[in-house]
Protein backbone atom coordinates (compact mmCIF):
# COMPACT_ATOMS: atom_id res chain seq x y z
CA UNK A 1 99.43 135.60 83.79
CA UNK A 2 98.99 138.57 86.01
CA UNK A 3 97.15 140.47 84.05
CA UNK A 4 94.27 139.35 81.52
CA UNK A 5 92.07 141.80 80.09
CA UNK A 6 88.71 141.10 79.42
CA UNK A 7 87.04 144.17 77.42
CA UNK A 8 83.30 143.99 76.22
CA UNK A 9 85.20 144.17 72.98
CA UNK A 10 87.19 141.30 73.39
CA UNK A 11 84.38 139.15 74.62
CA UNK A 12 82.41 140.20 71.37
CA UNK A 13 85.18 139.09 69.44
CA UNK A 14 85.71 135.71 70.98
CA UNK A 15 81.82 135.01 70.65
CA UNK A 16 81.90 136.20 67.30
CA UNK A 17 84.77 133.63 66.82
CA UNK A 18 82.99 131.12 68.28
CA UNK A 19 79.54 131.84 66.15
CA UNK A 20 77.87 132.36 69.54
CA UNK A 21 75.27 135.71 69.93
CA UNK A 22 75.66 135.87 73.80
CA UNK A 23 77.65 133.72 76.53
CA UNK A 24 74.41 131.77 77.13
CA UNK A 25 74.64 130.30 73.46
CA UNK A 26 78.10 128.65 74.59
CA UNK A 27 76.70 126.92 77.74
CA UNK A 28 73.02 126.07 76.47
CA UNK A 29 74.10 122.05 76.30
CA UNK A 30 74.55 122.18 79.76
CA UNK A 31 71.50 120.58 81.93
CA UNK A 32 69.55 123.19 83.64
CA UNK A 33 70.37 121.68 86.98
CA UNK A 34 73.48 122.08 86.68
CA UNK A 35 73.97 125.62 85.93
CA UNK A 36 74.70 128.39 88.67
CA UNK A 37 71.81 130.55 89.22
CA UNK A 38 72.98 132.71 91.89
CA UNK A 39 75.97 134.90 92.31
CA UNK A 40 78.89 133.38 93.61
CA UNK A 41 79.59 133.53 97.81
CA UNK A 42 82.40 136.04 97.09
CA UNK A 43 83.42 139.25 99.12
CA UNK A 44 83.55 142.72 97.95
CA UNK A 45 85.92 143.44 95.18
CA UNK A 46 89.51 144.86 96.13
CA UNK A 47 91.74 147.26 94.84
CA UNK A 48 95.19 145.68 93.21
CA UNK A 49 97.29 147.19 96.30
CA UNK A 50 94.89 145.55 98.67
CA UNK A 51 94.48 142.49 97.18
CA UNK A 52 97.92 141.69 96.79
CA UNK A 53 98.83 142.67 100.31
CA UNK A 54 95.92 139.57 101.38
CA UNK A 55 97.58 137.49 98.99
CA UNK A 56 100.92 137.98 100.60
CA UNK A 57 99.19 137.20 104.22
CA UNK A 58 97.66 134.40 103.20
CA UNK A 59 100.56 132.95 101.50
CA UNK A 60 102.79 133.63 104.70
CA UNK A 61 100.89 130.87 106.62
CA UNK A 62 102.46 128.53 104.17
CA UNK A 63 105.37 126.54 105.52
CA UNK A 64 108.02 127.45 102.72
CA UNK A 65 111.05 125.54 102.86
CA UNK A 66 113.11 128.19 102.04
CA UNK A 67 111.93 129.74 105.06
CA UNK A 68 112.08 126.52 107.35
CA UNK A 69 114.68 123.49 108.04
CA UNK A 70 112.68 120.88 106.13
CA UNK A 71 113.65 117.15 107.13
CA UNK A 72 110.56 115.76 105.72
CA UNK A 73 111.58 112.96 102.95
CA UNK A 74 109.88 109.84 101.91
CA UNK A 75 110.30 110.44 98.15
CA UNK A 76 110.17 114.52 97.81
CA UNK A 77 113.67 116.45 99.00
CA UNK A 78 114.89 119.45 99.52
CA UNK A 79 118.29 119.40 97.75
CA UNK A 80 120.09 122.56 96.76
CA UNK A 81 119.62 123.90 93.07
CA UNK A 82 122.04 125.52 91.60
CA UNK A 83 121.06 129.27 90.28
CA UNK A 84 122.33 128.15 86.60
CA UNK A 85 119.82 125.64 86.74
CA UNK A 86 116.75 127.83 86.88
CA UNK A 87 118.52 130.15 84.59
CA UNK A 88 118.84 127.89 81.57
CA UNK A 89 115.20 126.12 81.94
CA UNK A 90 113.59 129.19 82.02
CA UNK A 91 115.25 130.34 79.03
CA UNK A 92 112.50 130.46 76.37
CA UNK A 93 114.02 127.82 74.08
CA UNK A 94 113.17 125.53 76.24
CA UNK A 95 110.43 126.84 78.57
CA UNK A 96 108.13 127.14 75.60
CA UNK A 97 109.10 124.06 73.37
CA UNK A 98 106.62 121.98 71.46
CA UNK A 99 105.96 118.52 72.57
CA UNK A 100 108.98 116.59 71.56
CA UNK A 101 107.19 113.76 69.33
CA UNK A 102 106.15 115.96 66.75
CA UNK A 103 108.08 115.95 62.87
CA UNK A 104 108.83 119.61 63.71
CA UNK A 105 110.54 119.03 67.23
CA UNK A 106 113.72 121.32 67.08
CA UNK A 107 117.37 119.62 67.42
CA UNK A 108 118.47 121.36 70.67
CA UNK A 109 115.23 119.39 72.06
CA UNK A 110 116.23 116.43 70.93
CA UNK A 111 119.55 116.70 71.84
CA UNK A 112 118.76 117.60 75.14
CA UNK A 113 116.71 114.35 75.78
CA UNK A 114 119.65 112.54 74.37
CA UNK A 115 122.16 114.19 76.65
CA UNK A 116 119.42 113.30 79.45
CA UNK A 117 119.08 109.74 78.49
CA UNK A 118 123.41 109.31 78.35
CA UNK A 119 123.58 110.85 81.87
CA UNK A 120 120.87 108.13 83.11
CA UNK A 121 122.82 105.59 81.51
CA UNK A 122 126.16 106.50 83.12
CA UNK A 123 124.48 107.08 86.50
CA UNK A 124 122.33 103.58 86.48
CA UNK A 125 125.24 101.50 84.83
CA UNK A 126 122.34 100.69 82.12
CA UNK A 127 122.74 100.39 78.43
CA UNK A 128 119.74 102.46 77.36
CA UNK A 129 117.36 105.10 78.80
CA UNK A 130 114.08 106.46 77.29
CA UNK A 131 113.43 110.54 77.39
CA UNK A 132 111.46 110.48 80.93
CA UNK A 133 107.92 109.29 81.94
CA UNK A 134 105.66 110.93 84.83
CA UNK A 135 107.19 110.21 88.19
CA UNK A 136 108.93 107.18 90.00
CA UNK A 137 105.88 105.19 90.82
CA UNK A 138 104.28 104.94 86.98
CA UNK A 139 107.80 104.12 85.79
CA UNK A 140 108.07 101.42 88.16
CA UNK A 141 104.52 100.27 87.38
CA UNK A 142 105.91 100.22 83.89
CA UNK A 143 108.46 98.60 84.90
CA UNK A 144 106.84 95.86 85.63
CA UNK A 145 104.59 95.41 82.79
CA UNK A 146 108.00 95.41 80.18
CA UNK A 147 108.89 92.36 82.56
CA UNK A 148 106.11 90.28 81.98
CA UNK A 149 106.49 91.01 78.11
CA UNK A 150 110.19 90.02 78.39
CA UNK A 151 109.44 87.06 80.57
CA UNK A 152 106.12 86.01 79.67
CA UNK A 153 105.63 85.40 82.99
CA UNK A 154 102.32 87.64 84.51
CA UNK A 155 103.00 87.60 88.48
CA UNK A 156 105.33 90.09 90.46
CA UNK A 157 107.32 90.21 93.50
CA UNK A 158 108.24 93.56 95.52
CA UNK A 159 109.67 94.37 98.52
CA UNK A 160 107.10 96.16 101.36
CA UNK A 161 110.37 98.04 101.93
CA UNK A 162 109.53 99.48 98.62
CA UNK A 163 107.61 103.25 98.82
CA UNK A 164 104.10 102.38 100.04
CA UNK A 165 102.75 104.82 97.47
CA UNK A 166 104.65 102.98 94.76
CA UNK A 167 103.38 99.90 95.44
CA UNK A 168 100.04 101.01 95.49
CA UNK A 169 100.20 101.98 92.06
CA UNK A 170 101.79 99.00 90.91
CA UNK A 171 98.77 97.60 92.40
CA UNK A 172 96.54 99.56 90.30
CA UNK A 173 98.39 98.49 87.39
CA UNK A 174 98.25 95.35 87.84
CA UNK A 175 94.75 95.08 88.61
CA UNK A 176 93.80 95.96 84.96
CA UNK A 177 96.14 93.33 83.63
CA UNK A 178 94.49 90.82 86.08
CA UNK A 179 98.31 90.17 87.69
CA UNK A 180 98.94 88.92 91.16
CA UNK A 181 101.48 91.04 92.98
CA UNK A 182 103.48 89.02 96.20
CA UNK A 183 104.86 91.32 98.99
CA UNK A 184 107.89 89.92 99.89
CA UNK A 185 108.36 91.02 103.94
CA UNK A 186 111.58 93.11 105.47
CA UNK A 187 113.50 92.25 108.04
CA UNK A 188 112.31 94.05 111.52
CA UNK A 189 115.70 93.96 112.49
CA UNK A 190 117.88 95.52 109.76
CA UNK A 191 114.97 97.08 107.86
CA UNK A 192 116.06 95.57 104.67
CA UNK A 193 114.23 92.92 102.50
CA UNK A 194 114.02 89.33 103.78
CA UNK A 195 116.66 87.81 101.45
CA UNK A 196 115.23 84.29 102.49
CA UNK A 197 111.77 85.21 101.98
CA UNK A 198 112.41 86.57 98.93
CA UNK A 199 114.03 83.42 97.67
CA UNK A 200 110.79 81.62 98.90
CA UNK A 201 108.52 83.62 97.22
CA UNK A 202 109.61 83.99 93.37
CA UNK A 203 108.25 80.93 91.52
CA UNK A 204 108.51 79.96 87.76
CA UNK A 205 105.53 82.59 87.24
CA UNK A 206 107.63 85.44 88.62
CA UNK A 207 108.59 88.01 86.16
CA UNK A 208 110.37 90.69 88.24
CA UNK A 209 111.03 91.32 91.99
CA UNK A 210 111.17 94.64 92.93
CA UNK A 211 113.95 96.05 95.17
CA UNK A 212 114.35 100.11 96.30
CA UNK A 213 117.87 100.89 96.49
CA UNK A 214 118.05 102.85 99.19
CA UNK A 215 114.36 101.86 100.17
CA UNK A 216 111.85 103.79 101.70
CA UNK A 217 113.39 103.25 105.50
CA UNK A 218 116.45 104.77 103.80
CA UNK A 219 118.45 101.36 104.28
CA UNK A 220 120.49 100.23 101.81
CA UNK A 221 119.68 97.24 100.12
CA UNK A 222 121.70 94.17 98.75
CA UNK A 223 120.83 94.06 95.22
CA UNK A 224 123.37 91.86 94.52
CA UNK A 225 122.04 89.09 96.20
CA UNK A 226 118.79 90.07 95.53
CA UNK A 227 120.18 89.77 91.66
CA UNK A 228 121.00 86.48 91.65
CA UNK A 229 117.90 85.26 93.44
CA UNK A 230 115.88 86.50 91.09
CA UNK A 231 118.24 85.29 87.91
CA UNK A 232 118.22 81.81 89.08
CA UNK A 233 114.54 81.39 88.78
CA UNK A 234 114.28 83.54 85.44
CA UNK A 235 112.99 86.76 86.91
CA UNK A 236 114.31 90.15 86.12
CA UNK A 237 115.58 92.36 88.72
CA UNK A 238 113.72 96.31 88.69
CA UNK A 239 115.91 98.64 90.90
CA UNK A 240 114.04 101.72 92.55
CA UNK A 241 116.70 104.47 92.87
CA UNK A 242 117.49 107.48 94.68
CA UNK A 243 119.86 109.00 91.74
CA UNK A 244 121.60 111.10 94.23
CA UNK A 245 122.56 108.20 95.75
CA UNK A 246 124.44 106.75 93.18
CA UNK A 247 126.74 109.62 93.42
CA UNK A 248 128.60 107.16 96.24
CA UNK A 249 126.72 104.00 95.86
CA UNK A 250 127.61 101.15 93.30
CA UNK A 251 125.47 101.79 90.17
CA UNK A 252 122.29 99.16 89.96
CA UNK A 253 124.05 97.74 86.56
CA UNK A 254 126.82 96.90 88.32
CA UNK A 255 124.96 94.38 90.98
CA UNK A 256 122.80 92.87 88.31
CA UNK A 257 119.80 95.36 88.21
CA UNK A 258 118.02 94.42 84.52
CA UNK A 259 115.65 97.60 84.78
CA UNK A 260 115.99 100.58 86.87
CA UNK A 261 113.84 103.30 87.67
CA UNK A 262 112.91 106.28 90.22
CA UNK A 263 112.13 109.64 90.85
CA UNK A 264 114.21 112.30 89.43
CA UNK A 265 112.90 115.29 91.89
CA UNK A 266 116.20 115.71 93.64
CA UNK A 267 117.94 116.49 90.63
CA UNK A 268 117.62 120.51 90.15
CA UNK A 269 113.73 119.92 90.86
CA UNK A 270 112.27 122.01 93.83
CA UNK A 271 109.54 119.92 95.82
CA UNK A 272 106.62 121.99 94.13
CA UNK A 273 103.94 120.83 96.46
CA UNK A 274 104.59 117.17 94.76
CA UNK A 275 104.99 117.85 91.21
CA UNK A 276 105.58 117.71 88.02
CA UNK A 277 107.96 115.55 88.67
CA UNK A 278 110.36 113.07 86.67
CA UNK A 279 110.22 109.34 86.18
CA UNK A 280 113.56 107.77 85.03
CA UNK A 281 113.70 104.86 83.58
CA UNK A 282 116.66 102.43 82.14
CA UNK A 283 117.39 99.27 81.14
CA UNK A 284 119.70 96.66 79.41
CA UNK A 285 120.46 97.48 75.90
CA UNK A 286 118.62 94.12 74.49
CA UNK A 287 115.88 95.02 76.13
CA UNK A 288 115.54 98.27 74.35
CA UNK A 289 112.35 97.78 71.96
CA UNK A 290 110.38 96.78 75.05
CA UNK A 291 111.15 100.09 76.93
CA UNK A 292 108.05 102.44 77.42
CA UNK A 293 108.15 105.72 76.31
CA UNK A 294 110.25 107.80 73.52
CA UNK A 295 114.28 107.08 72.89
CA UNK A 296 116.04 110.13 71.06
CA UNK A 297 119.33 108.65 68.98
CA UNK A 298 122.09 110.44 67.32
CA UNK A 299 122.71 110.08 63.35
CA UNK A 300 124.31 111.99 60.87
CA UNK A 301 122.76 113.81 57.98
CA UNK A 302 123.49 113.25 54.37
CA UNK A 303 126.22 115.79 54.73
CA UNK A 304 127.49 113.72 57.45
CA UNK A 305 126.49 116.50 60.20
CA UNK A 306 125.63 115.21 63.43
CA UNK A 307 122.15 115.02 64.37
CA UNK A 308 119.39 113.90 66.43
CA UNK A 309 115.99 111.88 65.69
CA UNK A 310 113.10 110.21 67.61
CA UNK A 311 114.37 106.67 67.51
CA UNK A 312 111.86 104.54 68.83
CA UNK A 313 108.41 105.60 70.41
CA UNK A 314 106.32 102.17 70.87
CA UNK A 315 103.25 103.86 71.70
CA UNK A 316 99.45 103.70 70.50
CA UNK A 317 99.67 106.56 68.16
CA UNK A 318 102.69 105.12 66.03
CA UNK A 319 102.24 101.46 65.76
CA UNK A 320 99.65 99.11 66.33
CA UNK A 321 97.79 99.03 69.23
CA UNK A 322 98.63 95.29 69.96
CA UNK A 323 102.49 95.86 69.46
CA UNK A 324 102.47 99.18 71.66
CA UNK A 325 104.41 98.99 75.25
CA UNK A 326 102.50 101.59 77.38
CA UNK A 327 99.85 103.84 76.67
CA UNK A 328 101.69 106.87 78.59
CA UNK A 329 101.68 109.63 75.38
CA UNK A 330 104.01 111.88 76.84
CA UNK A 331 107.48 112.41 78.74
CA UNK A 332 108.41 114.98 80.94
CA UNK A 333 110.74 117.14 79.08
CA UNK A 334 111.55 120.19 80.93
CA UNK A 335 111.87 118.25 84.12
CA UNK A 336 114.32 115.83 82.14
CA UNK A 337 115.91 119.50 80.79
CA UNK A 338 116.27 120.29 84.30
CA UNK A 339 117.91 116.95 85.49
CA UNK A 340 120.38 117.30 82.63
CA UNK A 341 121.42 120.79 83.40
CA UNK A 342 121.77 119.88 86.89
CA UNK A 343 124.42 117.10 86.17
CA UNK A 344 125.80 118.93 84.03
CA UNK A 345 126.56 121.52 86.59
CA UNK A 346 127.56 119.47 89.29
CA UNK A 347 129.46 116.90 87.44
CA UNK A 348 130.95 113.86 89.12
CA UNK A 349 132.90 115.14 91.79
CA UNK A 350 129.62 117.83 92.73
CA UNK A 351 127.36 115.05 92.75
CA UNK A 352 129.37 112.45 94.91
CA UNK A 353 129.87 115.93 97.24
CA UNK A 354 126.24 115.92 97.18
CA UNK A 355 125.67 112.65 98.07
CA UNK A 356 128.86 112.21 100.74
CA UNK A 357 127.17 115.57 102.71
CA UNK A 358 123.88 113.74 102.63
CA UNK A 359 125.41 110.55 104.34
CA UNK A 360 127.31 112.28 107.00
CA UNK A 361 124.88 114.81 107.82
CA UNK A 362 122.39 112.15 108.30
CA UNK A 363 124.71 110.30 110.41
CA UNK A 364 125.47 113.23 112.29
CA UNK A 365 121.65 113.58 113.21
CA UNK A 366 121.60 110.07 113.90
CA UNK A 367 124.17 110.57 116.67
CA UNK A 368 122.82 113.62 118.15
CA UNK A 369 119.48 111.68 118.35
CA UNK A 370 120.84 108.57 120.24
CA UNK A 371 122.93 110.96 122.71
CA UNK A 372 119.36 112.37 123.33
CA UNK A 373 118.28 108.13 124.17
CA UNK A 374 116.37 108.11 120.88
CA UNK A 375 116.57 104.59 119.71
CA UNK A 376 116.21 103.82 115.40
CA UNK A 377 114.12 100.32 115.49
CA UNK A 378 116.60 99.26 112.43
CA UNK A 379 120.40 98.41 112.12
CA UNK A 380 121.24 98.50 108.40
CA UNK A 381 123.04 101.07 106.77
CA UNK A 382 121.34 104.12 105.71
CA UNK A 383 121.92 106.96 103.03
CA UNK A 384 120.25 110.19 103.91
CA UNK A 385 117.04 109.05 105.83
CA UNK A 386 116.51 106.77 108.85
CA UNK A 387 114.05 105.76 111.28
CA UNK A 388 113.53 106.60 114.83
CA UNK A 389 111.03 106.11 117.49
CA UNK A 390 108.60 108.81 119.12
CA UNK A 391 106.05 108.88 121.64
CA UNK A 392 103.71 111.23 119.80
CA UNK A 393 104.78 112.66 116.55
CA UNK A 394 102.04 114.81 115.37
CA UNK A 395 102.92 116.85 118.76
CA UNK A 396 106.43 116.94 117.91
CA UNK A 397 105.57 118.09 114.51
CA UNK A 398 103.68 120.84 115.54
CA UNK A 399 106.29 121.87 118.20
CA UNK A 400 108.83 121.69 115.42
CA UNK A 401 106.79 123.80 113.41
CA UNK A 402 106.81 126.51 115.43
CA UNK A 403 110.58 126.50 115.68
CA UNK A 404 110.36 126.86 111.99
CA UNK A 405 111.78 123.14 111.57
CA UNK A 406 109.30 120.65 109.25
CA UNK A 407 109.48 117.55 111.23
CA UNK A 408 109.99 113.78 108.99
CA UNK A 409 107.10 111.51 108.34
CA UNK A 410 104.85 109.51 110.78
CA UNK A 411 105.36 106.12 108.67
CA UNK A 412 102.94 104.29 111.03
CA UNK A 413 99.99 105.50 108.73
CA UNK A 414 101.75 103.02 106.07
CA UNK A 415 103.45 100.31 108.34
CA UNK A 416 100.63 99.64 111.26
CA UNK A 417 103.42 97.71 113.13
CA UNK A 418 105.75 100.79 112.73
CA UNK A 419 103.62 102.75 115.11
CA UNK A 420 105.33 105.83 116.73
CA UNK A 421 107.87 105.61 114.34
CA UNK A 422 108.93 108.78 112.31
CA UNK A 423 111.19 108.92 108.92
CA UNK A 424 113.83 111.67 109.30
CA UNK A 425 115.50 113.09 105.49
CA UNK A 426 118.58 115.05 106.08
CA UNK A 427 120.13 116.53 103.03
CA UNK A 428 123.11 118.78 102.18
CA UNK A 429 120.96 121.80 102.75
CA UNK A 430 120.82 121.06 106.75
CA UNK A 431 123.11 122.71 108.50
CA UNK A 432 124.49 121.84 112.04
CA UNK A 433 122.54 124.17 113.62
CA UNK A 434 119.54 123.00 112.26
CA UNK A 435 120.43 119.22 113.15
CA UNK A 436 121.17 120.14 116.68
CA UNK A 437 117.64 122.15 117.16
CA UNK A 438 115.71 119.02 115.79
CA UNK A 439 117.84 116.79 118.55
CA UNK A 440 117.21 119.28 121.27
CA UNK A 441 113.26 119.57 120.37
CA UNK A 442 112.93 115.68 120.40
């Protein structure tokens, strides 16, 4: 709120409503040692004109992606967002809707969730999808728990080519249920999961094999081979996807995945300094009763009219605690709506075009860097991200910022064996001129 009135009369009304005579009565339970005794260390008050000018000056120091060419990826991407998406999702009917799990939830909110679920199923090749989860990382960890319930096994195998933050989230979840996590190495030449090691590491206690598609390095994994190896040993395959890539890649469902999760930020949501984002979660239809979150279904009322209803809510607030599939108690309804509006606006052809542009522009960037003598460490096909060598990434990114370019991610912080390597992301928004400047400054 830009202006919040707080007159003495307002304060008196609030104190009366709280049953207090003065403000001190509201904080009397706080220990004396924790109370602020003196004034806050703040500069003198400014006029509104002066304050706005100072705040604008401070805000100008931010490397806003709308003013910079962003080549930083690793899970959050600078994709184009059609104007229609922001216009529709900012309408009061959606932006102010009540939390969508109560009995009084509107039909419009339910239908929006149903349409989102339907699009996720089409995109992933799965039979069922939920109304969304917090983000890609927690969705992946929930998929591992779901696989444990389905297989009655406790071990989880995850490729080291899966996003390192996702793997850390998985380990946090698994620590709580005392389940071991086995990390499958990636091949140092291709940059993809070592399938021989995968086949050896899957045992009779493995519940899930987790592969990212494309993986953290941008390389396209062989999901079909991974699925076969997992199924031969009675494990399930969990695919962690970039939904934009599914505009041109075969769906995980076609390749044998059992559960598909991913981060939906690229579907019409700005980077927003890291959130809130969108956890995509889909699975085979026969697994639906073990899927976490809530699921909206289509039905008919007594007059035969089409309607929507919360079909499944397998959580502690609605069913016996021991039968709850997850303690996640909400979903990202507005961000899921954003994804549904984006996909509806783009259509299959538009999504395919966006994916094709990402593919073509990233390969053009790689070719230009190769001309400068920059060598990629991996040779597997890639989608919109790739890894290249750089002697001093920190100095390079500092130099790039001066030229209004946000550089790549130093992956040596996550992979000690890849010191001096940076991850470059190229979306459909990057122009030839921006890519050429990046290559020149390299």
